[in-house]
């Protein structure tokens, strides 16, 4: 059984960078990071599509 995306990000030391890119909605950077941890193109697209549909988090709502 392979590692999950989060496990790959933790092991690679890229989790914080990934989360920052998600929070900035920098999906080009998100894709670059996911490619580095060997996530396939179809899965990258699905992850970005899901993240793009979420409303950005804001303090105080």
N, C-alpha and C. Protein backbone atom coordinates (compact mmCIF):
# COMPACT_ATOMS: atom_id res chain seq x y z
N UNK A 1 0.84 -1.18 0.00
CA UNK A 1 0.00 0.00 0.00
C UNK A 1 0.88 1.25 0.00
N UNK A 2 0.51 2.24 -0.81
CA UNK A 2 1.31 3.45 -0.91
C UNK A 2 0.95 4.47 0.16
N UNK A 3 1.71 5.54 0.15
CA UNK A 3 1.46 6.62 1.11
C UNK A 3 0.36 7.55 0.61
N UNK A 4 -0.34 8.16 1.55
CA UNK A 4 -1.33 9.17 1.19
C UNK A 4 -0.61 10.45 0.75
N UNK A 5 -1.37 11.37 0.18
CA UNK A 5 -0.79 12.65 -0.22
C UNK A 5 -0.19 13.34 0.99
N UNK A 6 -0.94 13.39 2.10
CA UNK A 6 -0.42 14.06 3.31
C UNK A 6 0.85 13.39 3.81
N UNK A 7 0.89 12.07 3.80
CA UNK A 7 2.10 11.36 4.23
C UNK A 7 3.28 11.73 3.35
N UNK A 8 3.06 11.79 2.05
CA UNK A 8 4.14 12.16 1.13
C UNK A 8 4.64 13.58 1.40
N UNK A 9 3.69 14.49 1.67
CA UNK A 9 4.07 15.88 1.95
C UNK A 9 4.86 15.99 3.24
N UNK A 10 4.46 15.23 4.27
CA UNK A 10 5.17 15.26 5.55
C UNK A 10 6.58 14.70 5.37
N UNK A 11 6.69 13.53 4.76
CA UNK A 11 7.98 12.88 4.59
C UNK A 11 8.93 13.75 3.77
N UNK A 12 8.40 14.45 2.78
CA UNK A 12 9.23 15.29 1.91
C UNK A 12 9.57 16.64 2.55
N UNK A 13 8.90 16.97 3.66
CA UNK A 13 9.13 18.26 4.30
C UNK A 13 8.41 19.41 3.60
N UNK A 14 7.43 19.09 2.74
CA UNK A 14 6.74 20.12 1.96
C UNK A 14 5.33 20.44 2.45
N UNK A 15 4.92 19.88 3.56
CA UNK A 15 3.54 20.09 4.02
C UNK A 15 3.25 21.57 4.29
N UNK A 16 4.14 22.26 5.00
CA UNK A 16 3.90 23.67 5.30
C UNK A 16 3.85 24.51 4.03
N UNK A 17 4.76 24.25 3.11
CA UNK A 17 4.78 24.98 1.84
C UNK A 17 3.51 24.72 1.05
N UNK A 18 3.05 23.48 1.05
CA UNK A 18 1.81 23.11 0.37
C UNK A 18 0.62 23.85 0.99
N UNK A 19 0.53 23.83 2.31
CA UNK A 19 -0.59 24.50 2.98
C UNK A 19 -0.58 26.01 2.73
N UNK A 20 0.60 26.61 2.70
CA UNK A 20 0.70 28.03 2.39
C UNK A 20 0.22 28.31 0.98
N UNK A 21 0.60 27.47 0.03
CA UNK A 21 0.17 27.65 -1.36
C UNK A 21 -1.35 27.48 -1.48
N UNK A 22 -1.91 26.51 -0.78
CA UNK A 22 -3.37 26.32 -0.78
C UNK A 22 -4.05 27.56 -0.22
N UNK A 23 -3.55 28.07 0.90
CA UNK A 23 -4.16 29.25 1.53
C UNK A 23 -4.07 30.49 0.65
N UNK A 24 -2.99 30.60 -0.13
CA UNK A 24 -2.83 31.73 -1.06
C UNK A 24 -3.59 31.49 -2.36
N UNK A 25 -4.12 30.27 -2.51
CA UNK A 25 -4.79 29.85 -3.74
C UNK A 25 -3.84 29.92 -4.94
N UNK A 26 -2.58 29.60 -4.68
CA UNK A 26 -1.53 29.56 -5.70
C UNK A 26 -1.48 28.14 -6.26
N UNK A 27 -2.42 27.86 -7.16
CA UNK A 27 -2.58 26.49 -7.62
C UNK A 27 -1.45 26.02 -8.53
N UNK A 28 -0.73 26.94 -9.15
CA UNK A 28 0.46 26.55 -9.92
C UNK A 28 1.52 25.99 -8.97
N UNK A 29 1.69 26.64 -7.82
CA UNK A 29 2.65 26.17 -6.82
C UNK A 29 2.17 24.85 -6.21
N UNK A 30 0.87 24.73 -5.96
CA UNK A 30 0.31 23.48 -5.44
C UNK A 30 0.65 22.34 -6.40
N UNK A 31 0.43 22.54 -7.68
CA UNK A 31 0.72 21.51 -8.69
C UNK A 31 2.20 21.15 -8.69
N UNK A 32 3.05 22.16 -8.61
CA UNK A 32 4.50 21.93 -8.59
C UNK A 32 4.90 21.07 -7.39
N UNK A 33 4.34 21.38 -6.23
CA UNK A 33 4.65 20.62 -5.01
C UNK A 33 4.16 19.18 -5.15
N UNK A 34 2.94 19.01 -5.64
CA UNK A 34 2.38 17.66 -5.78
C UNK A 34 3.17 16.83 -6.78
N UNK A 35 3.66 17.47 -7.84
CA UNK A 35 4.52 16.75 -8.80
C UNK A 35 5.80 16.27 -8.12
N UNK A 36 6.35 17.10 -7.23
CA UNK A 36 7.58 16.73 -6.52
C UNK A 36 7.40 15.49 -5.67
N UNK A 37 6.19 15.27 -5.14
CA UNK A 37 5.95 14.09 -4.31
C UNK A 37 5.29 12.97 -5.12
N UNK A 38 5.41 13.08 -6.44
CA UNK A 38 5.01 12.03 -7.38
C UNK A 38 3.52 11.70 -7.36
N UNK A 39 2.70 12.76 -7.31
CA UNK A 39 1.26 12.60 -7.46
C UNK A 39 0.96 12.71 -8.96
N UNK A 40 0.12 11.83 -9.46
CA UNK A 40 -0.20 11.82 -10.88
C UNK A 40 -1.02 13.02 -11.32
N UNK A 41 -0.93 13.33 -12.60
CA UNK A 41 -1.59 14.51 -13.15
C UNK A 41 -3.10 14.53 -12.89
N UNK A 42 -3.76 13.39 -13.05
CA UNK A 42 -5.19 13.33 -12.81
C UNK A 42 -5.55 13.63 -11.37
N UNK A 43 -4.75 13.12 -10.45
CA UNK A 43 -4.99 13.38 -9.03
C UNK A 43 -4.68 14.83 -8.67
N UNK A 44 -3.65 15.40 -9.28
CA UNK A 44 -3.34 16.81 -9.05
C UNK A 44 -4.51 17.67 -9.47
N UNK A 45 -5.06 17.38 -10.63
CA UNK A 45 -6.20 18.15 -11.14
C UNK A 45 -7.38 18.05 -10.17
N UNK A 46 -7.66 16.84 -9.69
CA UNK A 46 -8.78 16.64 -8.76
C UNK A 46 -8.56 17.40 -7.45
N UNK A 47 -7.34 17.38 -6.93
CA UNK A 47 -7.02 18.08 -5.68
C UNK A 47 -7.20 19.59 -5.87
N UNK A 48 -6.69 20.11 -6.98
CA UNK A 48 -6.79 21.55 -7.24
C UNK A 48 -8.24 21.94 -7.48
N UNK A 49 -8.98 21.14 -8.23
CA UNK A 49 -10.40 21.45 -8.48
C UNK A 49 -11.17 21.52 -7.16
N UNK A 50 -10.91 20.58 -6.27
CA UNK A 50 -11.60 20.57 -4.97
C UNK A 50 -11.21 21.79 -4.14
N UNK A 51 -9.91 22.12 -4.12
CA UNK A 51 -9.44 23.27 -3.34
C UNK A 51 -9.98 24.58 -3.91
N UNK A 52 -10.10 24.66 -5.22
CA UNK A 52 -10.57 25.89 -5.86
C UNK A 52 -12.04 26.17 -5.55
N UNK A 53 -12.81 25.13 -5.28
CA UNK A 53 -14.23 25.28 -4.98
C UNK A 53 -14.49 25.72 -3.54
N UNK A 54 -13.50 25.52 -2.68
CA UNK A 54 -13.66 25.92 -1.27
C UNK A 54 -13.50 27.43 -1.16
N UNK A 55 -14.31 28.00 -0.29
CA UNK A 55 -14.17 29.43 -0.02
C UNK A 55 -12.93 29.62 0.83
N UNK A 56 -12.17 30.66 0.56
CA UNK A 56 -10.98 30.91 1.37
C UNK A 56 -11.35 31.14 2.84
N UNK A 57 -10.56 30.61 3.73
CA UNK A 57 -10.77 30.79 5.15
C UNK A 57 -10.40 32.20 5.53
N UNK A 58 -11.17 32.80 6.40
CA UNK A 58 -10.80 34.12 6.90
C UNK A 58 -11.09 34.20 8.39
N UNK A 59 -10.23 34.85 9.10
CA UNK A 59 -10.40 35.05 10.54
C UNK A 59 -11.56 36.00 10.76
N UNK A 60 -12.49 35.64 11.59
CA UNK A 60 -13.62 36.51 11.86
C UNK A 60 -14.78 36.36 10.91
N UNK A 61 -14.65 35.41 9.97
CA UNK A 61 -15.69 34.97 9.12
C UNK A 61 -16.40 35.85 8.24
